[in-house]
Amino acid sequence: MLPADLLLTTATTSYAITVGPGLLETLPERLETLGLKGKIWLISDHQVFPIYGPRLEKPLKAKGYALETFIIPAGEASKNQNQLWELYTWLIAGGVERRDTIVALGGGVVGDLAGFVSATILRGVSFIQIPTTLLAMVDASIGGKTAINHTLGKNLIGAFQQPSLVLADTLTLKTLPLRELRAGWAEVIKHGVIRDAALFSLLEKHASELAGNEANSTFSLPEPLTGEVIRQAAAVKVAIVSADEKEQGERITLNYGHTLGHALEAATGYDTFLHGEAVAIGMHAAAQIAHALGLFTTEDVERQENLLSSYGLGTTFPSNVTAEQLMALTLHDKKVRNKRIRWVLPTKIGAVSVRDDVPEALIQTVLRARKA
């Protein structure tokens, strides 16, 4: 196996998460190492493919791989049943075989959709994640969760499908719009809050270097610092998923901020907030709930809020979304058990607990207090 930064190992599989600059062109060599010799079915979106698609297609074709490409519209709205069916038709009509490999080139939407397709077409074909957003590099591409959305909630229809490889080329972040970059920092901050206080402190120390600049439309990459932070954040998810692949225990902690974040995305039709933006709002609300329960200090609530703000992330709910809407949508959350919401709540920077006894009245109070 080629050198890798991280190795995720579960009861069913083991694969590398490789992070660094200039990795796209190494895909053919890595495919050979993994023994993947079938046709490559590349799935990307209309924003990412024109920039990075040719950098994948050229070396693959030079090595003799048969290659087909499908480009979806960028954005969360593509995670729907109609787009899923179009991908099935493309694969079946093109003669997909079980020895083939689906490659996802893009952010979390592309990875979720392509992963679900790979899990279900022919009852499963190999799958490789090539994340091009910060959020996907540290979170969405790792751990095998794949899904599409339903009008009643996000990611409610899906499957666990571990990739054969995650290849995170940090140079792709150079063309990432500032808003997308900031959305990604929400997941990095989340990993610091739930498990890695040192990562949280590192983010505080280097906020001015990493957060991006309003004067620039894209991210000026400060390597090797960015690679270090991405690896450290990804390592949190690797450790948790390696211990709990199917979310029977500790993996639920990765959903910090997501219960209300997903509800907010659904309430606004998946077209108002980027995922990380919604998660940041959900994180602050969860911190407020934890504080009200006596779990989280005022100082730590303020540290988290200040760090989110430093990375350009808001913490208030829009005024046109009601607390009642959000509460109703949380009942469709995947973490609900016996009709009780299991809340991931921080107890200090670097640690969280899971509670199913949070009074609804308290949640309503927090939601109404956090209106813009």
Protein backbone atom coordinates (compact mmCIF):
# COMPACT_ATOMS: atom_id res chain seq x y z
CA MET A 1 0.00 0.00 0.00
CA LEU A 2 1.18 3.52 -0.77
CA PRO A 3 2.08 5.71 2.22
CA ALA A 4 -1.01 7.25 3.81
CA ASP A 5 -1.61 9.83 6.47
CA LEU A 6 -4.45 7.98 8.19
CA LEU A 7 -5.87 4.46 8.16
CA LEU A 8 -9.51 3.77 8.99
CA THR A 9 -10.13 0.18 10.07
CA THR A 10 -13.51 -1.31 10.91
CA ALA A 11 -14.78 -4.86 11.37
CA THR A 12 -15.58 -4.98 7.65
CA THR A 13 -12.89 -2.99 5.88
CA SER A 14 -9.74 -0.89 6.01
CA TYR A 15 -8.78 2.07 3.83
CA ALA A 16 -6.42 5.02 3.60
CA ILE A 17 -7.22 8.70 3.97
CA THR A 18 -4.40 10.53 2.23
CA VAL A 19 -4.08 14.31 2.60
CA GLY A 20 -1.66 16.57 0.78
CA PRO A 21 -0.98 18.75 -2.25
CA GLY A 22 -0.87 17.43 -5.82
CA LEU A 23 -2.55 14.04 -5.26
CA LEU A 24 -5.08 14.01 -8.11
CA GLU A 25 -2.63 12.73 -10.70
CA THR A 26 -1.64 9.80 -8.46
CA LEU A 27 -5.06 8.13 -8.74
CA PRO A 28 -4.08 5.57 -11.45
CA GLU A 29 -1.15 4.31 -9.36
CA ARG A 30 -3.41 4.00 -6.32
CA LEU A 31 -6.06 2.14 -8.28
CA GLU A 32 -3.44 -0.37 -9.38
CA THR A 33 -2.22 -0.80 -5.81
CA LEU A 34 -5.80 -1.49 -4.69
CA GLY A 35 -6.27 -4.00 -7.52
CA LEU A 36 -9.10 -1.98 -9.11
CA LYS A 37 -8.85 -2.64 -12.84
CA GLY A 38 -12.42 -2.25 -14.10
CA LYS A 39 -14.12 0.71 -15.74
CA ILE A 40 -14.09 4.06 -13.92
CA TRP A 41 -17.41 5.88 -13.54
CA LEU A 42 -16.57 9.46 -12.56
CA ILE A 43 -19.30 11.54 -10.89
CA SER A 44 -18.73 15.26 -10.36
CA ASP A 45 -20.67 18.53 -10.46
CA HIS A 46 -20.80 21.38 -12.94
CA GLN A 47 -18.60 23.65 -10.82
CA VAL A 48 -15.85 21.19 -9.88
CA PHE A 49 -15.52 19.13 -13.05
CA PRO A 50 -14.35 21.89 -15.45
CA ILE A 51 -11.50 22.72 -13.07
CA TYR A 52 -10.35 19.32 -11.85
CA GLY A 53 -12.02 16.72 -14.07
CA PRO A 54 -9.35 16.89 -16.82
CA ARG A 55 -6.62 16.40 -14.22
CA LEU A 56 -8.19 13.04 -13.37
CA GLU A 57 -9.29 11.97 -16.83
CA LYS A 58 -5.94 12.49 -18.55
CA PRO A 59 -3.77 10.21 -16.33
CA LEU A 60 -6.53 7.58 -16.12
CA LYS A 61 -6.84 7.37 -19.90
CA ALA A 62 -3.05 7.38 -20.26
CA LYS A 63 -2.94 4.26 -18.06
CA GLY A 64 -5.56 2.56 -20.21
CA TYR A 65 -8.60 2.85 -17.93
CA ALA A 66 -12.00 2.94 -19.60
CA LEU A 67 -13.76 6.02 -18.28
CA GLU A 68 -17.26 7.49 -18.27
CA THR A 69 -18.24 10.82 -16.69
CA PHE A 70 -21.53 12.16 -15.32
CA ILE A 71 -21.89 15.78 -14.19
CA ILE A 72 -24.67 16.75 -11.77
CA PRO A 73 -25.84 20.27 -10.88
CA ALA A 74 -23.91 21.60 -7.90
CA GLY A 75 -25.74 22.01 -4.62
CA GLU A 76 -27.77 20.17 -1.99
CA ALA A 77 -30.84 20.08 -4.24
CA SER A 78 -29.13 17.35 -6.32
CA LYS A 79 -29.44 14.86 -3.46
CA ASN A 80 -32.88 13.73 -4.57
CA GLN A 81 -34.54 10.64 -6.01
CA ASN A 82 -34.73 12.02 -9.55
CA GLN A 83 -30.99 12.66 -9.74
CA LEU A 84 -30.36 9.26 -8.18
CA TRP A 85 -32.45 7.56 -10.86
CA GLU A 86 -30.62 9.41 -13.64
CA LEU A 87 -27.35 8.03 -12.32
CA TYR A 88 -28.76 4.49 -12.18
CA THR A 89 -29.91 4.79 -15.80
CA TRP A 90 -26.51 6.09 -16.90
CA LEU A 91 -24.70 3.22 -15.23
CA ILE A 92 -27.04 0.45 -16.34
CA ALA A 93 -27.27 1.70 -19.92
CA GLY A 94 -23.49 1.99 -20.00
CA GLY A 95 -23.00 -1.62 -18.93
CA VAL A 96 -21.69 -1.20 -15.40
CA GLU A 97 -20.13 -4.34 -13.91
CA ARG A 98 -19.36 -5.33 -10.33
CA ARG A 99 -15.62 -5.06 -10.93
CA ASP A 100 -15.97 -1.37 -11.85
CA THR A 101 -15.29 1.62 -9.61
CA ILE A 102 -17.33 4.76 -8.99
CA VAL A 103 -15.22 7.84 -8.25
CA ALA A 104 -16.73 10.89 -6.54
CA LEU A 105 -14.96 14.15 -7.40
CA GLY A 106 -16.40 17.05 -5.45
CA GLY A 107 -17.87 18.04 -2.12
CA GLY A 108 -20.22 16.32 0.28
CA VAL A 109 -23.21 16.33 -2.08
CA VAL A 110 -21.31 14.51 -4.81
CA GLY A 111 -19.80 12.10 -2.31
CA ASP A 112 -23.12 11.30 -0.63
CA LEU A 113 -24.93 10.75 -3.91
CA ALA A 114 -22.16 8.79 -5.64
CA GLY A 115 -21.64 6.69 -2.51
CA PHE A 116 -25.31 5.76 -2.30
CA VAL A 117 -25.30 4.84 -5.98
CA SER A 118 -22.22 2.65 -5.47
CA ALA A 119 -23.84 0.94 -2.48
CA THR A 120 -26.99 0.03 -4.37
CA ILE A 121 -26.14 -0.48 -8.05
CA LEU A 122 -25.65 -4.22 -8.68
CA ARG A 123 -25.85 -4.54 -4.86
CA GLY A 124 -22.54 -2.75 -4.55
CA VAL A 125 -19.46 -1.72 -6.54
CA SER A 126 -16.17 -0.18 -5.40
CA PHE A 127 -16.13 3.49 -4.53
CA ILE A 128 -13.42 6.15 -4.16
CA GLN A 129 -13.84 9.58 -2.56
CA ILE A 130 -11.89 12.53 -3.95
CA PRO A 131 -13.14 15.45 -1.83
CA THR A 132 -12.57 18.98 -3.11
CA THR A 133 -14.10 20.97 -0.24
CA LEU A 134 -12.80 21.41 3.29
CA LEU A 135 -16.02 20.02 4.76
CA ALA A 136 -15.75 16.87 2.66
CA MET A 137 -12.04 16.40 3.43
CA VAL A 138 -12.50 16.40 7.20
CA ASP A 139 -15.95 14.85 7.48
CA ALA A 140 -18.28 13.92 4.63
CA SER A 141 -15.85 11.74 2.65
CA ILE A 142 -14.81 9.70 5.70
CA GLY A 143 -16.82 6.98 7.40
CA GLY A 144 -19.08 5.55 4.71
CA LYS A 145 -22.34 7.42 5.33
CA THR A 146 -24.13 7.96 2.00
CA ALA A 147 -27.63 9.27 1.38
CA ILE A 148 -30.17 11.39 -0.42
CA ASN A 149 -32.59 13.83 1.19
CA HIS A 150 -36.34 13.62 1.72
CA THR A 151 -38.67 16.60 2.03
CA LEU A 152 -39.20 15.59 5.67
CA GLY A 153 -35.51 15.55 6.54
CA LYS A 154 -31.92 15.38 5.42
CA ASN A 155 -30.06 12.13 4.66
CA LEU A 156 -33.02 9.94 5.65
CA ILE A 157 -32.61 7.53 2.71
CA GLY A 158 -29.16 6.01 2.46
CA ALA A 159 -26.68 3.26 3.23
CA PHE A 160 -23.32 2.68 4.86
CA GLN A 161 -20.79 2.27 2.04
CA GLN A 162 -17.15 2.55 3.00
CA PRO A 163 -14.89 3.81 0.21
CA SER A 164 -11.78 1.98 -0.92
CA LEU A 165 -9.76 5.19 -0.62
CA VAL A 166 -10.12 8.85 0.33
CA LEU A 167 -7.75 11.07 -1.66
CA ALA A 168 -7.77 14.68 -0.41
CA ASP A 169 -5.70 16.96 -2.66
CA THR A 170 -5.38 20.17 -0.64
CA LEU A 171 -4.55 22.17 -3.78
CA THR A 172 -8.21 21.89 -4.77
CA LEU A 173 -9.00 24.24 -1.89
CA LYS A 174 -7.29 27.07 -3.80
CA THR A 175 -10.42 27.47 -5.93
CA LEU A 176 -12.90 27.00 -3.10
CA PRO A 177 -15.18 30.02 -2.66
CA LEU A 178 -14.80 31.76 0.69
CA ARG A 179 -18.33 30.86 1.80
CA GLU A 180 -17.69 27.15 1.13
CA LEU A 181 -14.40 27.35 3.00
CA ARG A 182 -16.08 28.83 6.03
CA ALA A 183 -18.79 26.19 5.96
CA GLY A 184 -16.03 23.59 6.12
CA TRP A 185 -14.45 25.20 9.18
CA ALA A 186 -17.67 24.49 11.07
CA GLU A 187 -16.99 20.75 10.87
CA VAL A 188 -13.34 21.25 11.85
CA ILE A 189 -14.39 23.29 14.89
CA LYS A 190 -16.98 20.61 15.70
CA HIS A 191 -14.26 17.96 15.83
CA GLY A 192 -12.29 20.12 18.24
CA VAL A 193 -15.29 20.59 20.53
CA ILE A 194 -16.31 16.94 20.67
CA ARG A 195 -12.92 15.28 21.08
CA ASP A 196 -9.77 17.35 20.49
CA ALA A 197 -9.18 20.41 22.67
CA ALA A 198 -5.71 20.82 21.14
CA LEU A 199 -7.25 21.14 17.68
CA PHE A 200 -9.66 23.76 19.02
CA SER A 201 -6.75 25.74 20.47
CA LEU A 202 -4.83 25.42 17.20
CA LEU A 203 -7.81 26.88 15.35
CA GLU A 204 -7.97 29.76 17.82
CA LYS A 205 -4.24 30.46 17.37
CA HIS A 206 -4.30 30.46 13.56
CA ALA A 207 -7.73 31.92 12.81
CA SER A 208 -6.33 34.93 10.98
CA GLU A 209 -4.31 32.68 8.64
CA LEU A 210 -6.92 30.02 7.98
CA ALA A 211 -10.29 31.74 7.94
CA GLY A 212 -9.95 33.49 4.58
CA ASN A 213 -10.16 37.13 3.61
CA GLU A 214 -13.22 39.06 2.48
CA ALA A 215 -11.04 40.88 -0.03
CA ASN A 216 -10.43 37.61 -1.90
CA SER A 217 -13.12 35.47 -3.52
CA THR A 218 -11.08 32.31 -3.00
CA PHE A 219 -8.83 30.78 -0.38
CA SER A 220 -5.09 31.54 -0.32
CA LEU A 221 -3.70 28.22 0.86
CA PRO A 222 -1.25 28.41 3.82
CA GLU A 223 0.51 25.06 3.42
CA PRO A 224 1.65 23.08 5.36
CA LEU A 225 -0.54 24.48 8.15
CA THR A 226 -3.76 23.64 6.31
CA GLY A 227 -2.69 20.05 5.69
CA GLU A 228 -1.79 19.68 9.36
CA VAL A 229 -5.18 20.97 10.51
CA ILE A 230 -7.09 18.83 7.99
CA ARG A 231 -5.22 15.69 9.06
CA GLN A 232 -5.81 16.43 12.74
CA ALA A 233 -9.53 17.05 12.18
CA ALA A 234 -9.89 13.98 9.96
CA ALA A 235 -8.11 11.90 12.60
CA VAL A 236 -10.95 12.61 15.03
CA LYS A 237 -13.49 11.08 12.66
CA VAL A 238 -11.18 8.19 11.76
CA ALA A 239 -10.78 7.24 15.42
CA ILE A 240 -14.50 7.43 16.13
CA VAL A 241 -15.63 5.52 13.04
CA SER A 242 -12.96 2.86 13.53
CA ALA A 243 -14.49 2.15 16.94
CA ASP A 244 -18.15 2.51 15.91
CA GLU A 245 -18.80 2.01 12.18
CA LYS A 246 -22.61 1.83 12.24
CA GLU A 247 -23.35 4.51 14.85
CA GLN A 248 -24.28 2.18 17.69
CA GLY A 249 -22.35 4.20 20.26
CA GLU A 250 -19.70 6.93 20.14
CA ARG A 251 -20.25 7.82 16.48
CA ILE A 252 -23.37 9.75 17.45
CA THR A 253 -21.06 12.42 18.90
CA LEU A 254 -20.11 13.40 15.34
CA ASN A 255 -23.66 14.72 15.04
CA TYR A 256 -22.95 17.61 17.39
CA GLY A 257 -24.83 20.60 15.98
CA HIS A 258 -26.53 18.45 13.34
CA THR A 259 -29.93 17.82 14.96
CA LEU A 260 -30.94 21.46 14.71
CA GLY A 261 -28.65 22.06 11.73
CA HIS A 262 -30.42 19.43 9.63
CA ALA A 263 -33.81 20.73 10.80
CA LEU A 264 -32.83 24.23 9.71
CA GLU A 265 -31.72 22.99 6.29
CA ALA A 266 -35.01 21.15 5.81
CA ALA A 267 -37.09 24.09 7.05
CA THR A 268 -35.46 26.38 4.49
CA GLY A 269 -35.74 23.97 1.56
CA TYR A 270 -32.03 23.08 1.39
CA ASP A 271 -31.34 26.27 -0.58
CA THR A 272 -30.64 28.93 2.06
CA PHE A 273 -27.81 27.56 4.19
CA LEU A 274 -24.74 25.55 3.33
CA HIS A 275 -24.48 22.46 5.52
CA GLY A 276 -21.64 23.85 7.62
CA GLU A 277 -23.46 27.14 8.13
CA ALA A 278 -26.50 25.29 9.50
CA VAL A 279 -24.28 23.08 11.68
CA ALA A 280 -22.59 26.16 13.18
CA ILE A 281 -25.99 27.54 14.20
CA GLY A 282 -26.92 24.12 15.60
CA MET A 283 -23.66 23.94 17.54
CA HIS A 284 -24.26 27.24 19.25
CA ALA A 285 -27.83 26.29 20.12
CA ALA A 286 -26.60 22.97 21.56
CA ALA A 287 -24.00 24.84 23.61
CA GLN A 288 -26.73 27.10 24.97
CA ILE A 289 -28.85 24.07 25.88
CA ALA A 290 -25.84 22.47 27.60
CA HIS A 291 -25.17 25.68 29.50
CA ALA A 292 -28.78 25.88 30.67
CA LEU A 293 -28.47 22.32 31.96
CA GLY A 294 -25.30 23.18 33.87
CA LEU A 295 -23.06 21.07 31.62
CA PHE A 296 -21.09 23.76 29.78
CA THR A 297 -19.50 26.86 31.28
CA THR A 298 -20.19 30.41 30.17
CA GLU A 299 -16.51 30.73 29.25
CA ASP A 300 -16.65 27.70 26.93
CA VAL A 301 -19.90 28.87 25.32
CA GLU A 302 -18.17 32.15 24.55
CA ARG A 303 -15.00 30.44 23.28
CA GLN A 304 -17.02 28.38 20.83
CA GLU A 305 -19.11 31.35 19.69
CA ASN A 306 -16.00 33.51 19.26
CA LEU A 307 -14.23 30.81 17.25
CA LEU A 308 -17.23 30.30 14.98
CA SER A 309 -17.38 34.05 14.45
CA SER A 310 -13.62 34.20 13.75
CA TYR A 311 -14.15 31.78 10.87
CA GLY A 312 -17.04 33.79 9.46
CA LEU A 313 -19.88 31.61 10.77
CA GLY A 314 -23.15 32.93 12.15
CA THR A 315 -24.97 31.53 15.19
CA THR A 316 -28.54 32.86 14.87
CA PHE A 317 -31.66 31.31 13.34
CA PRO A 318 -33.48 33.26 10.62
CA SER A 319 -36.55 35.12 11.81
CA ASN A 320 -38.83 33.40 9.28
CA VAL A 321 -38.22 29.93 10.75
CA THR A 322 -40.25 29.15 13.85
CA ALA A 323 -39.21 27.15 16.87
CA GLU A 324 -42.25 24.94 16.27
CA GLN A 325 -41.08 24.13 12.72
CA LEU A 326 -37.63 23.16 13.93
CA MET A 327 -38.94 21.05 16.79
CA ALA A 328 -41.27 19.15 14.47
CA LEU A 329 -38.43 18.43 12.04
CA THR A 330 -36.10 17.18 14.79
CA LEU A 331 -38.54 14.31 15.38
CA HIS A 332 -37.51 12.93 11.96
CA ASP A 333 -33.86 12.98 12.99
CA LYS A 334 -32.03 9.65 12.66
CA LYS A 335 -30.92 9.88 16.29
CA VAL A 336 -34.47 9.78 17.66
CA ARG A 337 -35.08 6.73 19.84
CA ASN A 338 -38.49 5.86 21.31
CA LYS A 339 -39.64 9.29 20.09
CA ARG A 340 -37.02 10.97 22.29
CA ILE A 341 -34.37 13.16 20.70
CA ARG A 342 -30.84 12.24 21.70
CA TRP A 343 -28.94 15.51 21.99
CA VAL A 344 -25.16 15.68 21.66
CA LEU A 345 -24.20 18.32 24.21
CA PRO A 346 -20.75 19.67 25.13
CA THR A 347 -19.44 19.32 28.67
CA LYS A 348 -16.13 21.09 28.01
CA ILE A 349 -13.99 21.91 24.98
CA GLY A 350 -12.94 18.44 23.84
CA ALA A 351 -15.77 16.39 25.35
CA VAL A 352 -19.51 15.84 24.89
CA SER A 353 -22.31 13.75 26.38
CA VAL A 354 -25.52 12.35 24.88
CA ARG A 355 -28.78 13.22 26.60
CA ASP A 356 -32.37 12.24 25.86
CA ASP A 357 -33.92 14.11 28.79
CA VAL A 358 -33.72 17.70 27.56
CA PRO A 359 -37.02 19.48 28.33
CA GLU A 360 -38.84 20.66 25.23
CA ALA A 361 -39.58 23.98 26.90
CA LEU A 362 -35.84 24.62 27.30
CA ILE A 363 -35.19 23.90 23.64
CA GLN A 364 -38.02 26.23 22.62
CA THR A 365 -36.57 28.98 24.82
CA VAL A 366 -33.10 28.62 23.28
CA LEU A 367 -34.48 28.59 19.74
CA ARG A 368 -36.53 31.74 20.26
CA ALA A 369 -33.58 33.53 21.87
CA ARG A 370 -31.30 32.83 18.90
CA LYS A 371 -33.42 34.57 16.25
CA ALA A 372 -31.66 37.02 13.93
